[in-house]
């Protein structure tokens, strides 16, 4: 799966920023998601360097199933995720997660209860996804090629 690492805004020089932005395998994202309202006010949104998942950039949708074969139940799990997403397509905006107190998409909070609200999808999950997922072995480490001087997991400073 793709992975995102949070970095301090000043740690990226303009040259680094341009290099990441021009490389299709990476993206820079500023997001308030996952923060408490107080953290957002004090620190500003977090900035992330993300690396694309291995199947991104494959030519055409017809190549995706072949690229996804080595990723366990990926195709079936994505199908289930699409079905769940469509069920909640009218839910928009952000909210404070009642479990964590952090800013999250409203749709994410609603989708968390898909098992209780849509038992027919639980049957699909148990029949099509769960057996295949057991065969998938997670890789212990993936080299993301990030520069050593980037401080991973640091918080972005508040905007000036």
N, C-alpha and C. Protein backbone atom coordinates (compact mmCIF):
# COMPACT_ATOMS: atom_id res chain seq x y z
N UNK A 1 0.83 -1.17 0.00
CA UNK A 1 0.00 0.00 0.00
C UNK A 1 0.88 1.24 0.00
N UNK A 2 0.31 2.36 -0.38
CA UNK A 2 1.05 3.61 -0.34
C UNK A 2 1.30 4.04 1.09
N UNK A 3 2.32 4.80 1.30
CA UNK A 3 2.67 5.25 2.63
C UNK A 3 2.95 6.74 2.58
N UNK A 4 2.54 7.46 3.62
CA UNK A 4 2.80 8.90 3.70
C UNK A 4 3.61 9.18 4.95
N UNK A 5 4.59 10.06 4.83
CA UNK A 5 5.40 10.48 5.96
C UNK A 5 5.24 11.98 6.14
N UNK A 6 5.02 12.39 7.36
CA UNK A 6 4.85 13.81 7.67
C UNK A 6 6.22 14.45 7.81
N UNK A 7 6.38 15.65 7.24
CA UNK A 7 7.66 16.34 7.29
C UNK A 7 7.44 17.80 7.67
N UNK A 8 8.45 18.43 8.21
CA UNK A 8 8.39 19.85 8.52
C UNK A 8 8.44 20.65 7.22
N UNK A 9 7.63 21.69 7.10
CA UNK A 9 7.63 22.50 5.88
C UNK A 9 9.00 23.09 5.57
N UNK A 10 9.71 23.70 6.53
CA UNK A 10 10.98 24.33 6.20
C UNK A 10 12.08 23.35 5.81
N UNK A 11 11.93 22.07 6.14
CA UNK A 11 12.96 21.09 5.84
C UNK A 11 13.06 20.83 4.34
N UNK A 12 12.05 21.13 3.58
CA UNK A 12 12.09 20.95 2.14
C UNK A 12 12.51 22.26 1.48
N UNK A 13 13.62 22.22 0.80
CA UNK A 13 14.05 23.41 0.07
C UNK A 13 13.16 23.58 -1.14
N UNK A 14 13.17 24.75 -1.78
CA UNK A 14 12.39 24.91 -3.01
C UNK A 14 12.79 23.87 -4.07
N UNK A 15 14.08 23.54 -4.12
CA UNK A 15 14.55 22.55 -5.10
C UNK A 15 13.97 21.17 -4.79
N UNK A 16 13.96 20.80 -3.47
CA UNK A 16 13.37 19.52 -3.08
C UNK A 16 11.88 19.48 -3.41
N UNK A 17 11.21 20.57 -3.11
CA UNK A 17 9.77 20.65 -3.38
C UNK A 17 9.50 20.44 -4.87
N UNK A 18 10.25 21.13 -5.71
CA UNK A 18 10.07 20.97 -7.16
C UNK A 18 10.40 19.55 -7.61
N UNK A 19 11.43 18.96 -7.02
CA UNK A 19 11.81 17.60 -7.39
C UNK A 19 10.69 16.62 -7.05
N UNK A 20 10.11 16.74 -5.86
CA UNK A 20 9.01 15.86 -5.49
C UNK A 20 7.78 16.10 -6.35
N UNK A 21 7.49 17.36 -6.62
CA UNK A 21 6.28 17.69 -7.40
C UNK A 21 6.41 17.23 -8.84
N UNK A 22 7.62 17.19 -9.39
CA UNK A 22 7.79 16.79 -10.78
C UNK A 22 7.92 15.28 -10.94
N UNK A 23 8.06 14.54 -9.84
CA UNK A 23 8.19 13.09 -9.89
C UNK A 23 6.81 12.46 -9.71
N UNK A 24 6.31 11.70 -10.70
CA UNK A 24 4.96 11.13 -10.59
C UNK A 24 4.83 10.06 -9.51
N UNK A 25 5.96 9.59 -8.96
CA UNK A 25 5.90 8.56 -7.93
C UNK A 25 5.69 9.14 -6.53
N UNK A 26 5.78 10.46 -6.39
CA UNK A 26 5.62 11.11 -5.08
C UNK A 26 4.60 12.23 -5.18
N UNK A 27 4.10 12.63 -4.01
CA UNK A 27 3.23 13.82 -3.96
C UNK A 27 3.41 14.48 -2.61
N UNK A 28 3.20 15.78 -2.56
CA UNK A 28 3.22 16.55 -1.32
C UNK A 28 1.78 16.94 -1.01
N UNK A 29 1.38 16.76 0.23
CA UNK A 29 0.01 17.07 0.62
C UNK A 29 0.01 17.77 1.97
N UNK A 30 -0.76 18.86 2.07
CA UNK A 30 -0.99 19.51 3.36
C UNK A 30 -2.41 19.15 3.78
N UNK A 31 -2.58 18.65 5.00
CA UNK A 31 -3.90 18.20 5.41
C UNK A 31 -4.12 18.44 6.90
N UNK A 32 -5.33 18.90 7.26
CA UNK A 32 -5.68 19.02 8.67
C UNK A 32 -6.23 17.72 9.25
N UNK A 33 -6.47 16.72 8.39
CA UNK A 33 -7.08 15.48 8.85
C UNK A 33 -6.17 14.77 9.83
N UNK A 34 -6.77 14.22 10.87
CA UNK A 34 -6.01 13.51 11.89
C UNK A 34 -5.50 14.41 13.00
N UNK A 35 -5.79 15.69 12.94
CA UNK A 35 -5.36 16.63 13.97
C UNK A 35 -6.56 17.03 14.82
N UNK A 36 -6.28 17.47 16.03
CA UNK A 36 -7.35 18.06 16.83
C UNK A 36 -7.49 19.52 16.37
N UNK A 37 -8.64 20.16 16.61
CA UNK A 37 -8.78 21.56 16.24
C UNK A 37 -7.70 22.44 16.89
N UNK A 38 -7.32 22.11 18.12
CA UNK A 38 -6.28 22.90 18.80
C UNK A 38 -4.94 22.76 18.09
N UNK A 39 -4.58 21.54 17.70
CA UNK A 39 -3.32 21.31 16.97
C UNK A 39 -3.32 22.08 15.66
N UNK A 40 -4.45 22.09 14.97
CA UNK A 40 -4.54 22.80 13.70
C UNK A 40 -4.32 24.29 13.90
N UNK A 41 -4.95 24.87 14.93
CA UNK A 41 -4.78 26.30 15.20
C UNK A 41 -3.33 26.62 15.57
N UNK A 42 -2.70 25.78 16.39
CA UNK A 42 -1.35 26.05 16.87
C UNK A 42 -0.27 25.77 15.83
N UNK A 43 -0.44 24.71 15.03
CA UNK A 43 0.64 24.23 14.17
C UNK A 43 0.38 24.38 12.69
N UNK A 44 -0.86 24.61 12.30
CA UNK A 44 -1.18 24.62 10.88
C UNK A 44 -1.32 23.19 10.37
N UNK A 45 -1.72 23.04 9.12
CA UNK A 45 -1.91 21.68 8.59
C UNK A 45 -0.59 20.93 8.48
N UNK A 46 -0.66 19.62 8.59
CA UNK A 46 0.52 18.78 8.45
C UNK A 46 0.84 18.62 6.97
N UNK A 47 2.12 18.50 6.67
CA UNK A 47 2.57 18.29 5.30
C UNK A 47 3.10 16.87 5.19
N UNK A 48 2.71 16.17 4.14
CA UNK A 48 3.10 14.78 3.94
C UNK A 48 3.80 14.60 2.61
N UNK A 49 4.84 13.78 2.60
CA UNK A 49 5.40 13.27 1.36
C UNK A 49 4.84 11.87 1.23
N UNK A 50 4.20 11.58 0.12
CA UNK A 50 3.60 10.27 -0.09
C UNK A 50 4.24 9.60 -1.28
N UNK A 51 4.33 8.30 -1.21
CA UNK A 51 4.83 7.53 -2.35
C UNK A 51 3.66 6.75 -2.92
N UNK A 52 3.58 6.71 -4.22
CA UNK A 52 2.48 6.01 -4.88
C UNK A 52 2.53 4.51 -4.58
N UNK A 53 1.37 3.89 -4.56
CA UNK A 53 1.30 2.45 -4.39
C UNK A 53 1.90 1.78 -5.63
N UNK A 54 2.38 0.53 -5.51
CA UNK A 54 3.12 -0.09 -6.60
C UNK A 54 2.35 -0.23 -7.91
N UNK A 55 1.02 -0.30 -7.85
CA UNK A 55 0.27 -0.50 -9.08
C UNK A 55 -0.12 0.81 -9.76
N UNK A 56 0.19 1.95 -9.16
CA UNK A 56 -0.11 3.24 -9.80
C UNK A 56 0.72 3.39 -11.06
N UNK A 57 0.16 4.03 -12.03
CA UNK A 57 0.90 4.31 -13.25
C UNK A 57 0.89 3.17 -14.24
N UNK A 58 0.22 2.06 -13.93
CA UNK A 58 0.12 0.97 -14.88
C UNK A 58 -0.78 1.42 -16.02
N UNK A 59 -0.42 1.08 -17.21
CA UNK A 59 -1.17 1.54 -18.39
C UNK A 59 -2.52 0.84 -18.47
N UNK A 60 -3.56 1.61 -18.47
CA UNK A 60 -4.90 1.10 -18.69
C UNK A 60 -5.47 0.27 -17.56
N UNK A 61 -6.79 0.32 -17.43
CA UNK A 61 -7.47 -0.43 -16.37
C UNK A 61 -7.35 -1.93 -16.59
N UNK A 62 -7.17 -2.37 -17.82
CA UNK A 62 -7.08 -3.80 -18.08
C UNK A 62 -5.80 -4.40 -17.50
N UNK A 63 -4.76 -3.59 -17.28
CA UNK A 63 -3.52 -4.07 -16.69
C UNK A 63 -3.58 -4.15 -15.17
N UNK A 64 -4.54 -3.46 -14.57
CA UNK A 64 -4.60 -3.40 -13.11
C UNK A 64 -4.81 -4.77 -12.47
N UNK A 65 -5.74 -5.61 -12.95
CA UNK A 65 -5.93 -6.91 -12.30
C UNK A 65 -4.64 -7.74 -12.27
N UNK A 66 -3.88 -7.71 -13.35
CA UNK A 66 -2.62 -8.47 -13.38
C UNK A 66 -1.62 -7.89 -12.37
N UNK A 67 -1.54 -6.56 -12.30
CA UNK A 67 -0.61 -5.92 -11.36
C UNK A 67 -1.03 -6.17 -9.92
N UNK A 68 -2.33 -6.35 -9.69
CA UNK A 68 -2.85 -6.52 -8.33
C UNK A 68 -2.77 -7.97 -7.84
N UNK A 69 -2.46 -8.91 -8.73
CA UNK A 69 -2.46 -10.33 -8.34
C UNK A 69 -1.54 -10.61 -7.16
N UNK A 70 -0.41 -9.96 -7.10
CA UNK A 70 0.54 -10.21 -6.03
C UNK A 70 0.21 -9.52 -4.72
N UNK A 71 -0.95 -8.93 -4.64
CA UNK A 71 -1.32 -8.16 -3.44
C UNK A 71 -2.52 -8.75 -2.72
N UNK A 72 -2.55 -10.08 -2.58
CA UNK A 72 -3.59 -10.74 -1.80
C UNK A 72 -4.99 -10.47 -2.32
N UNK A 73 -5.86 -10.00 -1.46
CA UNK A 73 -7.27 -9.78 -1.79
C UNK A 73 -7.53 -8.38 -2.31
N UNK A 74 -6.53 -7.75 -2.87
CA UNK A 74 -6.64 -6.35 -3.27
C UNK A 74 -7.83 -6.06 -4.18
N UNK A 75 -8.00 -6.82 -5.25
CA UNK A 75 -9.10 -6.54 -6.18
C UNK A 75 -10.46 -6.64 -5.51
N UNK A 76 -10.66 -7.69 -4.75
CA UNK A 76 -11.95 -7.87 -4.08
C UNK A 76 -12.16 -6.82 -2.99
N UNK A 77 -11.09 -6.49 -2.27
CA UNK A 77 -11.20 -5.48 -1.22
C UNK A 77 -11.50 -4.11 -1.81
N UNK A 78 -10.90 -3.78 -2.96
CA UNK A 78 -11.21 -2.51 -3.61
C UNK A 78 -12.65 -2.48 -4.09
N UNK A 79 -13.13 -3.62 -4.57
CA UNK A 79 -14.54 -3.70 -4.98
C UNK A 79 -15.46 -3.44 -3.80
N UNK A 80 -15.14 -4.02 -2.66
CA UNK A 80 -15.94 -3.79 -1.45
C UNK A 80 -15.85 -2.33 -1.03
N UNK A 81 -14.65 -1.75 -1.07
CA UNK A 81 -14.49 -0.34 -0.69
C UNK A 81 -15.32 0.55 -1.60
N UNK A 82 -15.36 0.24 -2.89
CA UNK A 82 -16.19 1.02 -3.83
C UNK A 82 -17.67 0.92 -3.45
N UNK A 83 -18.12 -0.30 -3.17
CA UNK A 83 -19.53 -0.49 -2.79
C UNK A 83 -19.88 0.31 -1.54
N UNK A 84 -19.00 0.26 -0.54
CA UNK A 84 -19.25 1.00 0.70
C UNK A 84 -19.24 2.50 0.42
N UNK A 85 -18.30 2.96 -0.38
CA UNK A 85 -18.21 4.37 -0.70
C UNK A 85 -19.47 4.87 -1.41
N UNK A 86 -19.98 4.08 -2.33
CA UNK A 86 -21.19 4.46 -3.06
C UNK A 86 -22.38 4.55 -2.11
N UNK A 87 -22.44 3.67 -1.13
CA UNK A 87 -23.56 3.70 -0.17
C UNK A 87 -23.60 5.02 0.61
N UNK A 88 -22.45 5.64 0.79
CA UNK A 88 -22.37 6.88 1.57
C UNK A 88 -21.95 8.07 0.70
N UNK A 89 -22.28 8.04 -0.58
CA UNK A 89 -21.80 9.07 -1.50
C UNK A 89 -22.33 10.46 -1.21
N UNK A 90 -23.44 10.61 -0.54
CA UNK A 90 -23.99 11.93 -0.25
C UNK A 90 -23.43 12.58 1.01
N UNK A 91 -22.59 11.88 1.74
CA UNK A 91 -22.04 12.40 2.99
C UNK A 91 -20.76 13.17 2.68
N UNK A 92 -20.73 14.45 3.00
CA UNK A 92 -19.58 15.29 2.67
C UNK A 92 -19.15 16.13 3.87
N UNK A 93 -17.99 16.73 3.77
CA UNK A 93 -17.49 17.63 4.80
C UNK A 93 -16.62 16.92 5.83
N UNK A 94 -16.25 17.66 6.87
CA UNK A 94 -15.44 17.11 7.95
C UNK A 94 -16.18 17.24 9.26
N UNK A 95 -15.73 16.49 10.24
CA UNK A 95 -16.33 16.52 11.57
C UNK A 95 -15.26 16.15 12.59
N UNK A 96 -15.59 16.29 13.84
CA UNK A 96 -14.71 15.84 14.92
C UNK A 96 -15.08 14.40 15.24
N UNK A 97 -14.12 13.50 15.11
CA UNK A 97 -14.37 12.08 15.38
C UNK A 97 -14.71 11.91 16.86
N UNK A 98 -15.88 11.33 17.17
CA UNK A 98 -16.26 11.16 18.57
C UNK A 98 -15.33 10.22 19.33
N UNK A 99 -14.64 9.32 18.64
CA UNK A 99 -13.74 8.38 19.31
C UNK A 99 -12.37 9.00 19.61
N UNK A 100 -11.87 9.85 18.71
CA UNK A 100 -10.50 10.36 18.85
C UNK A 100 -10.41 11.86 19.12
N UNK A 101 -11.48 12.62 18.82
CA UNK A 101 -11.45 14.07 18.98
C UNK A 101 -10.66 14.77 17.87
N UNK A 102 -10.36 14.05 16.79
CA UNK A 102 -9.57 14.62 15.69
C UNK A 102 -10.47 14.95 14.50
N UNK A 103 -9.98 15.81 13.62
CA UNK A 103 -10.72 16.20 12.43
C UNK A 103 -10.63 15.06 11.41
N UNK A 104 -11.78 14.61 10.95
CA UNK A 104 -11.84 13.52 9.98
C UNK A 104 -12.96 13.80 8.98
N UNK A 105 -12.92 13.13 7.81
CA UNK A 105 -14.06 13.26 6.89
C UNK A 105 -15.32 12.63 7.50
N UNK A 106 -16.47 13.31 7.35
CA UNK A 106 -17.73 12.76 7.86
C UNK A 106 -18.02 11.39 7.27
N UNK A 107 -17.71 11.26 5.98
CA UNK A 107 -17.96 10.01 5.30
C UNK A 107 -17.20 8.86 5.96
N UNK A 108 -15.99 9.13 6.41
CA UNK A 108 -15.19 8.10 7.09
C UNK A 108 -15.83 7.62 8.38
N UNK A 109 -16.41 8.55 9.12
CA UNK A 109 -17.08 8.18 10.37
C UNK A 109 -18.31 7.32 10.06
N UNK A 110 -19.06 7.69 9.03
CA UNK A 110 -20.23 6.91 8.64
C UNK A 110 -19.83 5.52 8.14
N UNK A 111 -18.79 5.47 7.33
CA UNK A 111 -18.37 4.19 6.74
C UNK A 111 -17.83 3.22 7.79
N UNK A 112 -17.41 3.73 8.92
CA UNK A 112 -16.88 2.87 9.98
C UNK A 112 -17.92 1.84 10.42
N UNK A 113 -19.19 2.17 10.28
CA UNK A 113 -20.27 1.28 10.75
C UNK A 113 -20.88 0.43 9.64
N UNK A 114 -20.16 0.24 8.54
CA UNK A 114 -20.73 -0.49 7.41
C UNK A 114 -21.14 -1.91 7.77
N UNK A 115 -20.44 -2.55 8.68
CA UNK A 115 -20.78 -3.93 9.04
C UNK A 115 -22.16 -4.02 9.71
N UNK A 116 -22.46 -3.06 10.58
CA UNK A 116 -23.76 -3.07 11.26
C UNK A 116 -24.88 -2.63 10.31
N UNK A 117 -24.59 -1.68 9.45
CA UNK A 117 -25.63 -1.11 8.59
C UNK A 117 -25.88 -1.92 7.31
N UNK A 118 -24.91 -2.75 6.90
CA UNK A 118 -25.04 -3.49 5.63
C UNK A 118 -24.55 -4.93 5.79
N UNK A 119 -25.33 -5.78 6.46
CA UNK A 119 -24.90 -7.17 6.70
C UNK A 119 -24.65 -7.95 5.41
N UNK A 120 -25.30 -7.57 4.32
CA UNK A 120 -25.07 -8.28 3.05
C UNK A 120 -23.62 -8.12 2.57
N UNK A 121 -23.01 -6.99 2.91
CA UNK A 121 -21.61 -6.79 2.54
C UNK A 121 -20.67 -7.59 3.44
N UNK A 122 -21.10 -7.87 4.66
CA UNK A 122 -20.30 -8.70 5.56
C UNK A 122 -20.21 -10.11 4.98
N UNK A 123 -21.32 -10.61 4.42
CA UNK A 123 -21.30 -11.92 3.78
C UNK A 123 -20.31 -11.94 2.61
N UNK A 124 -20.34 -10.89 1.79
CA UNK A 124 -19.39 -10.78 0.65
C UNK A 124 -17.95 -10.76 1.17
N UNK A 125 -17.70 -10.00 2.22
CA UNK A 125 -16.36 -9.92 2.80
C UNK A 125 -15.90 -11.30 3.27
N UNK A 126 -16.74 -11.99 4.02
CA UNK A 126 -16.37 -13.31 4.55
C UNK A 126 -16.17 -14.35 3.45
N UNK A 127 -16.93 -14.23 2.38
CA UNK A 127 -16.87 -15.20 1.29
C UNK A 127 -15.72 -14.93 0.31
N UNK A 128 -15.51 -13.65 -0.08
CA UNK A 128 -14.58 -13.32 -1.15
C UNK A 128 -13.25 -12.74 -0.70
N UNK A 129 -13.23 -12.01 0.39
CA UNK A 129 -12.03 -11.27 0.76
C UNK A 129 -11.23 -11.96 1.86
N UNK A 130 -11.89 -12.32 2.90
CA UNK A 130 -11.18 -12.87 4.07
C UNK A 130 -10.31 -14.09 3.72
N UNK A 131 -10.81 -15.07 2.96
CA UNK A 131 -9.96 -16.23 2.64
C UNK A 131 -8.71 -15.84 1.84
N UNK A 132 -8.84 -14.91 0.93
CA UNK A 132 -7.69 -14.48 0.13
C UNK A 132 -6.71 -13.64 0.94
N UNK A 133 -7.24 -12.86 1.86
CA UNK A 133 -6.39 -11.98 2.66
C UNK A 133 -5.42 -12.79 3.53
N UNK A 134 -5.80 -13.97 3.95
CA UNK A 134 -4.94 -14.79 4.79
C UNK A 134 -3.69 -15.24 4.03
N UNK A 135 -3.75 -15.29 2.72
CA UNK A 135 -2.62 -15.74 1.91
C UNK A 135 -1.60 -14.64 1.67
N UNK A 136 -1.98 -13.42 1.94
CA UNK A 136 -1.11 -12.27 1.67
C UNK A 136 -0.11 -12.10 2.80
N UNK A 137 1.17 -11.96 2.45
CA UNK A 137 2.20 -11.72 3.46
C UNK A 137 2.75 -10.31 3.25
N UNK A 138 2.68 -9.51 4.29
CA UNK A 138 3.16 -8.14 4.26
C UNK A 138 4.68 -8.11 4.21
N UNK A 139 5.22 -7.24 3.38
CA UNK A 139 6.66 -7.08 3.33
C UNK A 139 7.10 -6.34 4.59
N UNK A 140 8.23 -6.74 5.13
CA UNK A 140 8.70 -6.16 6.38
C UNK A 140 9.14 -4.71 6.20
N UNK A 141 9.75 -4.38 5.06
CA UNK A 141 10.26 -3.02 4.88
C UNK A 141 10.27 -2.68 3.41
N UNK A 142 9.88 -1.49 3.09
CA UNK A 142 9.95 -0.99 1.72
C UNK A 142 10.79 0.26 1.74
N UNK A 143 11.80 0.33 0.88
CA UNK A 143 12.66 1.51 0.80
C UNK A 143 11.94 2.57 -0.03
N UNK A 144 11.62 3.70 0.59
CA UNK A 144 10.89 4.76 -0.09
C UNK A 144 11.82 5.78 -0.73
N UNK A 145 13.11 5.67 -0.51
CA UNK A 145 14.05 6.56 -1.15
C UNK A 145 13.94 8.00 -0.70
N UNK A 146 13.47 8.25 0.53
CA UNK A 146 13.35 9.61 1.02
C UNK A 146 14.71 10.12 1.46
N UNK A 147 14.99 11.41 1.28
CA UNK A 147 16.27 11.95 1.73
C UNK A 147 16.45 11.75 3.23
N UNK A 148 17.68 11.43 3.64
CA UNK A 148 17.97 11.13 5.05
C UNK A 148 17.74 12.34 5.95
N UNK A 149 17.88 13.57 5.42
CA UNK A 149 17.76 14.74 6.28
C UNK A 149 16.31 15.10 6.60
N UNK A 150 15.35 14.45 5.97
CA UNK A 150 13.94 14.74 6.28
C UNK A 150 13.60 14.10 7.61
N UNK A 151 13.03 14.88 8.49
CA UNK A 151 12.66 14.41 9.81
C UNK A 151 11.28 13.78 9.73
N UNK A 152 11.21 12.47 9.74
CA UNK A 152 9.94 11.78 9.59
C UNK A 152 9.15 11.84 10.90
N UNK A 153 7.85 12.05 10.76
CA UNK A 153 6.97 12.08 11.92
C UNK A 153 6.94 13.41 12.64
N UNK A 154 7.59 14.42 12.12
CA UNK A 154 7.61 15.74 12.78
C UNK A 154 6.35 16.52 12.39
N UNK A 155 5.97 17.46 13.19
CA UNK A 155 4.80 18.28 12.92
C UNK A 155 5.17 19.51 12.11
N UNK A 156 4.31 19.89 11.21
CA UNK A 156 4.53 21.10 10.42
C UNK A 156 4.27 22.32 11.29
N UNK A 157 5.03 23.39 11.11
CA UNK A 157 4.83 24.59 11.93
C UNK A 157 3.56 25.33 11.52
N UNK A 158 3.11 26.21 12.39
CA UNK A 158 1.91 27.00 12.10
C UNK A 158 2.20 27.96 10.96
N UNK A 159 1.18 28.24 10.12
CA UNK A 159 1.38 29.18 9.03
C UNK A 159 1.65 30.57 9.56
N UNK A 160 2.43 31.33 8.81
CA UNK A 160 2.78 32.69 9.26
C UNK A 160 1.82 33.73 8.72
